[in-house]
Amino acid sequence: MSINSRFIEYFRDTFFQDKEEEFEQFLTAIEQPIPRTIRIKPWHEDSVKSHLESDGWILDKTNIPRVYSMDRREDFDPLERRLGFSLDHIVGNFYIQELAAAHPVDILAESAIHEDGFLILDMASSPGGKTTQLTEYYPNSFIIANEPTRERIPQLLQNLHRMWTPNVGITLYPGQYWKKYSETFDRILLDAPCSGEWTLYKWTDAVKHWHIKNIKEIARLQTKLLDAWLHALKVWGEMIYSTCSLNLLENEWVLDAMREKYGQSFEILYQKKFWPHIDGTGGFFVAKIRKIASIESEKQGERRGTRNEKLTRYRWWIGDWQIDSKYELYEHDKKILAVSGSTEKIPDDIYFMRFGEEIGKKDGGIFYGDIWISRYIDTANIPTYKISTEQELDIYLRGWSIAADCSDGYILLSYDDTVIWLEYCENWEVQSTFPRDWQRK
């Protein structure tokens, strides 16, 4: 692959003067595919490892809790399904996430699961890897997942549904809009739009069109975004600024611009640049910031949004189902939503495209639950039907009905001690309601 000559000249002169051997190692590393890694949900680590290893995968620990690099055994069965179609992936027990991308949230949380009820803002959330990671590290917090590009929201929605995230709401606002919410958020994740230099190995436009003029334009936007989000962060709150780039303009110089403007208002707790040839990841930059004093807010005009216009609290019982009391229920346009986390901290004028998780609809006064409701109800008295073979599971995951030894009524469908979800058995048959988007092809 021929790497852009302007890129080569910039990186050699900026970082690798008199280090030609290391520079060659760097160029070689950025052209190599990076290792496949997954992030396993808390409390599912042992079972997911066991399932994947029995399917022929080799898992090795990384420096981040519950994140594993993946490889195939030599005797890997070619008939086994792709990793993305494995049952544990489909039901949200793990997320396929590159190692570099898993660092910002882990650094923000210091590798620990926090019981605090924070209000957290996540910028540029799609496709959802970092958002779902935030829900795992901050299970009692509410995360506002902002995605400024409408076309990217469907993928975000799909991943949030799969990963079970009732403590997330999706918004569609420009990044700089959040400057209006002065000192509102306890934690902020700004994984900023960037030039994407670390994607060089994919032979993207980042390779063909790398130019310092483009980098300067991107850096100006990043500076405006960091400015806005520093305003939105509470005093003594913490945030991450990260990019998937390695140049100075998008990273150190953005922080320098903020120091020059608000130097007495924040401190940098941690800063690291991940180099492919040193750290074995894609190129990445992460800085952890703590706000230590208020920043005088400029007049920002009116906020827009009416979150509560059609959103009303709902009762705890839905038909025959009793919802776990740790979830709040809401009704919106006949949809029933399950929500958790520190919702009391959410400003009333934020408009959500998705608030919590939809678990069913109400029609003519009758509630009709969907596949997600099994995550929220007391299932102690619901019989379980265990799929016994991989072949039977495959039929079900392709969206076809399966014969089942069960009485008419609701059942919990499971395979290898993994609950799939609620289905209905009728005349010794279970018709698969498995989502079409995730069905095996």
Protein backbone atom coordinates (compact mmCIF):
# COMPACT_ATOMS: atom_id res chain seq x y z
CA MET A 1 0.00 0.00 0.00
CA SER A 2 1.31 3.44 -0.90
CA ILE A 3 0.90 5.80 2.07
CA ASN A 4 0.27 9.48 1.45
CA SER A 5 3.64 11.26 1.16
CA ARG A 6 2.41 14.27 3.16
CA PHE A 7 1.52 11.93 6.02
CA ILE A 8 4.97 10.32 5.89
CA GLU A 9 6.75 13.68 5.90
CA TYR A 10 4.69 15.07 8.78
CA PHE A 11 5.12 12.07 11.06
CA ARG A 12 8.82 11.61 10.32
CA ASP A 13 9.61 15.27 11.01
CA THR A 14 7.30 15.60 14.04
CA PHE A 15 7.78 12.37 15.95
CA PHE A 16 10.60 10.30 14.47
CA GLN A 17 13.55 12.58 13.76
CA ASP A 18 16.74 10.50 13.95
CA LYS A 19 14.57 7.42 14.63
CA GLU A 20 14.36 5.93 11.15
CA GLU A 21 14.19 2.32 12.32
CA GLU A 22 11.31 3.05 14.69
CA PHE A 23 9.59 5.07 11.96
CA GLU A 24 9.71 2.07 9.64
CA GLN A 25 8.21 -0.05 12.44
CA PHE A 26 5.42 2.51 12.78
CA LEU A 27 4.67 2.52 9.04
CA THR A 28 4.63 -1.28 8.97
CA ALA A 29 2.35 -1.46 12.02
CA ILE A 30 -0.31 0.92 10.68
CA GLU A 31 -0.70 -1.19 7.54
CA GLN A 32 -1.38 -4.39 9.50
CA PRO A 33 -4.87 -5.52 10.53
CA ILE A 34 -5.36 -4.97 14.23
CA PRO A 35 -6.30 -7.89 16.50
CA ARG A 36 -9.99 -8.76 16.84
CA THR A 37 -11.19 -8.01 20.36
CA ILE A 38 -14.48 -8.35 22.24
CA ARG A 39 -15.82 -6.79 25.42
CA ILE A 40 -17.84 -9.18 27.60
CA LYS A 41 -20.60 -7.88 29.85
CA PRO A 42 -20.05 -8.08 33.62
CA TRP A 43 -21.42 -11.28 35.16
CA HIS A 44 -21.28 -13.09 31.79
CA GLU A 45 -17.52 -13.42 31.50
CA ASP A 46 -17.12 -17.08 32.46
CA SER A 47 -20.09 -18.37 30.44
CA VAL A 48 -19.20 -16.41 27.29
CA LYS A 49 -15.59 -17.56 27.44
CA SER A 50 -16.72 -21.16 27.85
CA HIS A 51 -19.15 -20.95 24.92
CA LEU A 52 -16.69 -19.29 22.55
CA GLU A 53 -13.82 -21.60 23.46
CA SER A 54 -16.02 -24.63 22.84
CA ASP A 55 -16.81 -23.13 19.42
CA GLY A 56 -13.11 -23.03 18.53
CA TRP A 57 -12.05 -19.54 19.59
CA ILE A 58 -8.91 -18.73 21.57
CA LEU A 59 -9.39 -15.84 24.03
CA ASP A 60 -6.51 -13.91 25.60
CA LYS A 61 -6.81 -11.19 28.23
CA THR A 62 -5.90 -7.60 27.41
CA ASN A 63 -5.04 -4.76 29.81
CA ILE A 64 -8.75 -3.82 30.05
CA PRO A 65 -11.10 -5.84 32.28
CA ARG A 66 -13.39 -8.20 30.35
CA VAL A 67 -11.83 -7.28 26.99
CA TYR A 68 -10.26 -10.23 25.15
CA SER A 69 -8.34 -10.64 21.93
CA MET A 70 -9.69 -13.38 19.67
CA ASP A 71 -8.11 -15.96 17.40
CA ARG A 72 -9.23 -19.23 15.85
CA ARG A 73 -7.88 -22.63 16.72
CA GLU A 74 -6.26 -24.56 13.91
CA ASP A 75 -9.13 -27.07 14.02
CA PHE A 76 -11.75 -24.29 13.83
CA ASP A 77 -14.90 -25.74 12.28
CA PRO A 78 -15.72 -23.79 9.09
CA LEU A 79 -19.38 -24.63 9.63
CA GLU A 80 -19.41 -22.62 12.87
CA ARG A 81 -21.18 -19.28 12.55
CA ARG A 82 -19.47 -15.94 12.35
CA LEU A 83 -18.67 -14.35 15.71
CA GLY A 84 -21.42 -11.77 15.16
CA PHE A 85 -24.03 -14.53 14.76
CA SER A 86 -23.07 -16.42 17.91
CA LEU A 87 -25.88 -16.63 20.46
CA ASP A 88 -24.01 -14.67 23.14
CA HIS A 89 -23.44 -11.81 20.72
CA ILE A 90 -27.03 -11.78 19.53
CA VAL A 91 -28.50 -11.59 23.05
CA GLY A 92 -26.07 -8.85 24.08
CA ASN A 93 -23.60 -10.72 26.28
CA PHE A 94 -20.61 -9.26 24.44
CA TYR A 95 -19.73 -6.48 22.02
CA ILE A 96 -17.15 -6.66 19.23
CA GLN A 97 -14.96 -3.64 20.00
CA GLU A 98 -11.44 -2.71 18.94
CA LEU A 99 -9.00 -2.48 21.84
CA ALA A 100 -8.07 1.18 21.27
CA ALA A 101 -11.74 2.17 21.25
CA ALA A 102 -12.30 0.42 24.61
CA HIS A 103 -9.75 2.60 26.41
CA PRO A 104 -11.60 5.96 26.80
CA VAL A 105 -14.48 4.62 28.93
CA ASP A 106 -12.16 2.35 30.89
CA ILE A 107 -9.88 5.30 31.67
CA LEU A 108 -12.84 7.50 32.61
CA ALA A 109 -14.08 4.85 35.07
CA GLU A 110 -10.58 3.79 36.19
CA SER A 111 -11.49 0.19 35.29
CA ALA A 112 -14.12 0.06 38.05
CA ILE A 113 -17.89 -0.41 38.09
CA HIS A 114 -19.48 2.63 39.79
CA GLU A 115 -22.70 2.49 41.80
CA ASP A 116 -23.12 6.30 41.68
CA GLY A 117 -26.18 7.77 40.02
CA PHE A 118 -24.48 10.12 37.56
CA LEU A 119 -25.87 12.00 34.58
CA ILE A 120 -23.49 11.22 31.73
CA LEU A 121 -23.24 12.78 28.27
CA ASP A 122 -21.77 10.81 25.37
CA MET A 123 -20.99 12.70 22.17
CA ALA A 124 -21.08 11.13 18.69
CA SER A 125 -22.42 7.85 20.09
CA SER A 126 -23.01 5.70 17.01
CA PRO A 127 -22.44 2.81 16.51
CA GLY A 128 -22.75 2.38 20.28
CA GLY A 129 -19.61 0.64 21.50
CA LYS A 130 -18.62 3.29 24.02
CA THR A 131 -22.23 4.02 24.97
CA THR A 132 -22.92 0.40 25.89
CA GLN A 133 -19.58 0.28 27.70
CA LEU A 134 -20.68 3.28 29.77
CA THR A 135 -23.82 1.38 30.83
CA GLU A 136 -21.63 -1.43 32.11
CA TYR A 137 -19.28 0.78 34.13
CA TYR A 138 -22.08 3.08 35.35
CA PRO A 139 -25.17 0.83 35.73
CA ASN A 140 -27.07 3.25 38.02
CA SER A 141 -26.38 6.35 35.94
CA PHE A 142 -28.39 7.73 33.04
CA ILE A 143 -26.49 8.18 29.80
CA ILE A 144 -27.55 10.70 27.17
CA ALA A 145 -26.21 9.28 23.90
CA ASN A 146 -25.99 12.21 21.52
CA GLU A 147 -25.52 11.44 17.83
CA PRO A 148 -25.36 14.59 15.66
CA THR A 149 -25.79 12.68 12.38
CA ARG A 150 -29.32 11.35 11.80
CA GLU A 151 -28.20 8.67 9.32
CA ARG A 152 -26.05 7.01 12.00
CA ILE A 153 -28.87 6.61 14.54
CA PRO A 154 -30.40 3.33 13.21
CA GLN A 155 -27.18 1.41 13.91
CA LEU A 156 -26.97 2.99 17.35
CA LEU A 157 -30.56 1.97 18.09
CA GLN A 158 -29.92 -1.60 17.04
CA ASN A 159 -26.86 -1.99 19.23
CA LEU A 160 -28.52 -0.37 22.24
CA HIS A 161 -31.48 -2.77 21.95
CA ARG A 162 -29.21 -5.79 21.61
CA MET A 163 -27.04 -4.84 24.59
CA TRP A 164 -29.98 -4.14 26.97
CA THR A 165 -29.63 -0.45 27.87
CA PRO A 166 -32.70 0.94 29.72
CA ASN A 167 -30.51 3.70 31.22
CA VAL A 168 -29.81 5.36 27.84
CA GLY A 169 -31.63 8.06 25.92
CA ILE A 170 -30.73 9.08 22.36
CA THR A 171 -30.62 12.73 21.29
CA LEU A 172 -29.98 14.38 17.94
CA TYR A 173 -28.27 17.72 18.60
CA PRO A 174 -25.17 19.42 17.15
CA GLY A 175 -22.23 18.93 19.48
CA GLN A 176 -21.85 22.62 20.27
CA TYR A 177 -25.52 22.85 21.32
CA TRP A 178 -24.66 21.31 24.70
CA LYS A 179 -22.82 24.47 25.72
CA LYS A 180 -26.28 25.75 26.68
CA TYR A 181 -26.41 23.19 29.53
CA SER A 182 -23.86 24.85 31.78
CA GLU A 183 -22.52 22.61 34.58
CA THR A 184 -25.16 19.91 34.11
CA PHE A 185 -23.26 16.64 33.67
CA ASP A 186 -21.24 14.57 36.15
CA ARG A 187 -19.29 12.74 33.44
CA ILE A 188 -18.77 13.46 29.75
CA LEU A 189 -17.28 11.35 26.98
CA LEU A 190 -16.12 13.36 23.97
CA ASP A 191 -14.79 10.87 21.46
CA ALA A 192 -14.36 13.63 18.93
CA PRO A 193 -14.85 13.46 15.15
CA CYS A 194 -11.36 13.26 13.75
CA SER A 195 -9.24 12.58 10.66
CA GLY A 196 -9.21 8.85 11.45
CA GLU A 197 -5.50 8.27 10.87
CA TRP A 198 -5.58 4.98 12.75
CA THR A 199 -7.88 3.56 10.03
CA LEU A 200 -5.00 3.61 7.54
CA TYR A 201 -4.86 -0.17 7.53
CA LYS A 202 -8.40 -0.22 6.12
CA TRP A 203 -7.27 1.81 3.11
CA THR A 204 -9.82 4.52 3.75
CA ASP A 205 -9.95 8.11 2.51
CA ALA A 206 -7.81 8.99 5.51
CA VAL A 207 -4.91 7.51 3.52
CA LYS A 208 -5.62 9.05 0.16
CA HIS A 209 -6.57 12.57 1.25
CA TRP A 210 -4.43 13.23 4.33
CA HIS A 211 -3.49 16.90 4.24
CA ILE A 212 -2.50 19.34 6.97
CA LYS A 213 -5.14 21.82 5.75
CA ASN A 214 -7.88 19.24 6.38
CA ILE A 215 -6.38 18.45 9.78
CA LYS A 216 -6.51 22.12 10.77
CA GLU A 217 -10.20 22.32 9.85
CA ILE A 218 -10.99 19.25 11.92
CA ALA A 219 -8.95 20.59 14.85
CA ARG A 220 -10.95 23.84 14.82
CA LEU A 221 -14.18 21.84 15.16
CA GLN A 222 -12.71 19.69 17.93
CA THR A 223 -11.68 22.81 19.85
CA LYS A 224 -15.22 24.20 19.63
CA LEU A 225 -16.66 20.88 20.81
CA LEU A 226 -14.28 20.61 23.77
CA ASP A 227 -15.06 24.22 24.67
CA ALA A 228 -18.80 23.47 24.66
CA TRP A 229 -18.49 20.31 26.71
CA LEU A 230 -16.21 21.88 29.30
CA HIS A 231 -19.04 24.34 29.91
CA ALA A 232 -21.54 21.48 30.25
CA LEU A 233 -19.40 19.60 32.80
CA LYS A 234 -20.05 20.16 36.50
CA VAL A 235 -17.30 21.49 38.72
CA TRP A 236 -15.35 18.45 39.97
CA GLY A 237 -16.87 16.42 37.17
CA GLU A 238 -14.62 14.42 34.87
CA MET A 239 -14.55 13.93 31.13
CA ILE A 240 -12.60 12.18 28.40
CA TYR A 241 -11.33 13.83 25.25
CA SER A 242 -10.21 11.23 22.72
CA THR A 243 -9.54 10.87 19.01
CA CYS A 244 -8.48 8.07 16.70
CA SER A 245 -5.66 10.28 15.39
CA LEU A 246 -2.01 10.73 16.28
CA ASN A 247 -1.07 14.19 14.98
CA LEU A 248 -0.46 17.10 17.36
CA LEU A 249 -3.12 19.41 15.92
CA GLU A 250 -6.10 17.24 16.87
CA ASN A 251 -4.77 16.25 20.26
CA GLU A 252 -2.14 18.18 22.22
CA TRP A 253 -2.85 21.45 20.41
CA VAL A 254 -6.59 21.23 21.13
CA LEU A 255 -5.80 20.82 24.82
CA ASP A 256 -3.31 23.70 24.62
CA ALA A 257 -6.01 25.94 23.16
CA MET A 258 -8.28 25.10 26.09
CA ARG A 259 -5.47 25.73 28.58
CA GLU A 260 -4.88 29.15 27.09
CA LYS A 261 -8.59 29.99 27.37
CA TYR A 262 -9.62 28.23 30.62
CA GLY A 263 -6.32 27.20 32.18
CA GLN A 264 -7.42 27.78 35.77
CA SER A 265 -10.70 25.89 35.33
CA PHE A 266 -9.53 22.35 34.62
CA GLU A 267 -6.69 19.93 35.14
CA ILE A 268 -5.51 16.99 33.06
CA LEU A 269 -5.45 13.82 35.14
CA TYR A 270 -4.19 11.45 32.45
CA GLN A 271 -2.91 11.74 28.91
CA LYS A 272 -1.64 9.05 26.58
CA LYS A 273 -1.04 8.48 22.90
CA PHE A 274 -1.39 4.86 21.80
CA TRP A 275 1.12 3.98 19.07
CA PRO A 276 0.40 0.90 16.90
CA HIS A 277 4.00 -0.32 16.92
CA ILE A 278 4.33 0.09 20.71
CA ASP A 279 0.90 -0.60 22.20
CA GLY A 280 -0.41 -3.16 19.68
CA THR A 281 -3.58 -1.15 19.07
CA GLY A 282 -4.80 1.26 16.47
CA GLY A 283 -3.45 4.79 16.86
CA PHE A 284 -5.38 6.62 19.56
CA PHE A 285 -5.18 9.64 21.86
CA VAL A 286 -6.89 9.91 25.26
CA ALA A 287 -6.93 12.70 27.83
CA LYS A 288 -8.86 12.63 31.10
CA ILE A 289 -9.91 16.04 32.38
CA ARG A 290 -11.31 17.23 35.71
CA LYS A 291 -13.10 20.58 35.95
CA ILE A 292 -11.95 22.41 39.08
CA ALA A 293 -13.66 25.81 38.70
CA SER A 294 -16.67 27.31 36.97
CA ILE A 295 -16.36 28.74 33.49
CA GLU A 296 -18.28 31.92 32.85
CA SER A 297 -21.07 31.07 30.41
CA GLU A 298 -21.76 33.16 27.36
CA LYS A 299 -25.34 33.93 26.35
CA GLN A 300 -26.34 30.96 24.22
CA GLY A 301 -29.93 31.63 23.19
CA GLU A 302 -32.90 29.35 23.77
CA ARG A 303 -32.73 25.62 24.37
CA ARG A 304 -35.09 23.52 22.33
CA GLY A 305 -36.94 20.35 23.31
CA THR A 306 -40.06 19.19 25.16
CA ARG A 307 -39.24 15.81 26.66
CA ASN A 308 -42.37 15.46 28.79
CA GLU A 309 -44.96 16.60 26.26
CA LYS A 310 -46.33 13.09 25.60
CA LEU A 311 -44.40 11.10 28.20
CA THR A 312 -46.40 9.86 31.20
CA ARG A 313 -45.63 7.50 34.08
CA TYR A 314 -47.15 4.02 33.81
CA ARG A 315 -48.17 1.45 36.41
CA TRP A 316 -45.96 -1.44 37.57
CA TRP A 317 -48.24 -4.20 36.31
CA ILE A 318 -48.65 -4.86 32.58
CA GLY A 319 -51.27 -7.47 31.87
CA ASP A 320 -50.06 -10.60 33.64
CA TRP A 321 -46.50 -9.30 33.99
CA GLN A 322 -44.99 -7.64 37.03
CA ILE A 323 -42.07 -5.38 36.16
CA ASP A 324 -39.02 -5.30 38.40
CA SER A 325 -39.39 -2.26 40.68
CA LYS A 326 -35.95 -0.87 39.82
CA TYR A 327 -37.36 0.22 36.44
CA GLU A 328 -39.63 3.18 35.84
CA LEU A 329 -42.36 2.67 33.26
CA TYR A 330 -43.52 5.33 30.85
CA GLU A 331 -46.14 5.50 28.13
CA HIS A 332 -45.47 7.44 24.93
CA ASP A 333 -47.75 7.25 21.88
CA LYS A 334 -49.06 3.83 23.03
CA LYS A 335 -45.50 2.54 23.51
CA ILE A 336 -44.49 1.28 26.95
CA LEU A 337 -40.92 2.16 27.93
CA ALA A 338 -38.74 0.71 30.71
CA VAL A 339 -36.20 3.21 32.07
CA SER A 340 -33.55 3.03 34.77
CA GLY A 341 -30.77 5.23 36.11
CA SER A 342 -30.67 8.72 37.59
CA THR A 343 -33.53 10.13 35.51
CA GLU A 344 -34.28 12.84 38.09
CA LYS A 345 -31.17 14.71 36.93
CA ILE A 346 -32.28 15.03 33.31
CA PRO A 347 -33.20 18.58 32.25
CA ASP A 348 -36.86 18.75 31.24
CA ASP A 349 -36.19 20.46 27.91
CA ILE A 350 -34.15 17.69 26.28
CA TYR A 351 -35.96 15.95 23.44
CA PHE A 352 -35.21 12.23 23.17
CA MET A 353 -35.48 10.15 20.03
CA ARG A 354 -35.30 7.08 22.25
CA PHE A 355 -35.87 7.10 26.02
CA GLY A 356 -35.06 3.86 27.83
CA GLU A 357 -36.17 0.67 26.12
CA GLU A 358 -39.49 -0.11 24.47
CA ILE A 359 -40.96 -3.33 25.88
CA GLY A 360 -44.35 -3.37 24.19
CA LYS A 361 -47.37 -1.45 22.94
CA LYS A 362 -50.87 -0.72 24.20
CA ASP A 363 -53.75 -1.15 21.74
CA GLY A 364 -57.39 -0.82 22.72
CA GLY A 365 -56.40 -0.88 26.37
CA ILE A 366 -54.61 -4.24 25.94
CA PHE A 367 -50.84 -4.52 26.38
CA TYR A 368 -48.83 -6.50 23.83
CA GLY A 369 -45.31 -7.24 24.99
CA ASP A 370 -42.44 -7.69 22.57
CA ILE A 371 -39.27 -9.75 22.75
CA TRP A 372 -37.57 -7.36 25.17
CA ILE A 373 -40.05 -7.73 28.01
CA SER A 374 -38.40 -10.91 29.34
CA ARG A 375 -35.51 -8.74 30.52
CA TYR A 376 -37.74 -6.77 32.87
CA ILE A 377 -40.30 -9.16 34.36
CA ASP A 378 -40.26 -11.69 37.15
CA THR A 379 -39.68 -14.97 35.27
CA ALA A 380 -39.63 -17.29 38.29
CA ASN A 381 -43.00 -18.87 37.40
CA ILE A 382 -42.53 -19.05 33.65
CA PRO A 383 -41.58 -22.53 32.35
CA THR A 384 -38.34 -22.88 30.42
CA TYR A 385 -37.89 -24.82 27.22
CA LYS A 386 -34.28 -25.77 26.58
CA ILE A 387 -33.17 -26.05 22.97
CA SER A 388 -31.12 -29.22 22.96
CA THR A 389 -28.99 -29.10 19.82
CA GLU A 390 -27.06 -26.57 17.75
CA GLN A 391 -29.16 -27.60 14.76
CA GLU A 392 -32.40 -26.76 16.56
CA LEU A 393 -30.92 -23.44 17.68
CA ASP A 394 -29.87 -22.68 14.13
CA ILE A 395 -33.42 -23.27 12.86
CA TYR A 396 -34.79 -20.91 15.50
CA LEU A 397 -32.17 -18.20 14.83
CA ARG A 398 -33.06 -18.29 11.14
CA GLY A 399 -36.59 -17.25 12.07
CA TRP A 400 -38.30 -20.62 11.57
CA SER A 401 -40.62 -22.41 13.98
CA ILE A 402 -39.40 -25.33 16.08
CA ALA A 403 -41.23 -28.31 17.56
CA ALA A 404 -41.24 -28.12 21.35
CA ASP A 405 -42.39 -30.28 24.23
CA CYS A 406 -44.31 -27.54 26.02
CA SER A 407 -47.85 -26.63 27.03
CA ASP A 408 -49.67 -23.74 25.42
CA GLY A 409 -48.56 -20.43 26.89
CA TYR A 410 -45.48 -18.29 27.38
CA ILE A 411 -42.10 -19.98 27.83
CA LEU A 412 -38.53 -18.87 28.33
CA LEU A 413 -36.43 -20.21 25.50
CA SER A 414 -32.84 -21.07 26.40
CA TYR A 415 -29.79 -22.83 25.00
CA ASP A 416 -26.70 -23.95 26.91
CA ASP A 417 -27.87 -22.07 30.03
CA THR A 418 -28.26 -18.83 28.05
CA VAL A 419 -31.78 -17.39 28.09
CA ILE A 420 -32.74 -16.15 24.64
CA TRP A 421 -36.12 -14.57 25.44
CA LEU A 422 -39.82 -14.99 25.88
CA GLU A 423 -41.76 -16.94 23.25
CA TYR A 424 -45.24 -18.44 22.99
CA CYS A 425 -45.83 -22.15 22.66
CA GLU A 426 -48.96 -23.32 20.89
CA ASN A 427 -49.85 -26.84 19.72
CA TRP A 428 -46.36 -28.10 20.56
CA GLU A 429 -44.74 -25.48 18.35
CA VAL A 430 -42.79 -22.27 18.96
CA GLN A 431 -42.92 -19.72 16.18
CA SER A 432 -39.69 -17.73 16.21
CA THR A 433 -40.12 -13.99 16.76
CA PHE A 434 -36.37 -13.53 16.54
CA PRO A 435 -35.55 -10.07 15.09
CA ARG A 436 -35.01 -10.20 11.34
CA ASP A 437 -31.91 -7.98 11.52
CA TRP A 438 -30.09 -10.53 13.67
CA GLN A 439 -31.31 -13.74 12.09
CA ARG A 440 -28.69 -16.09 10.72
CA LYS A 441 -28.52 -15.88 6.99
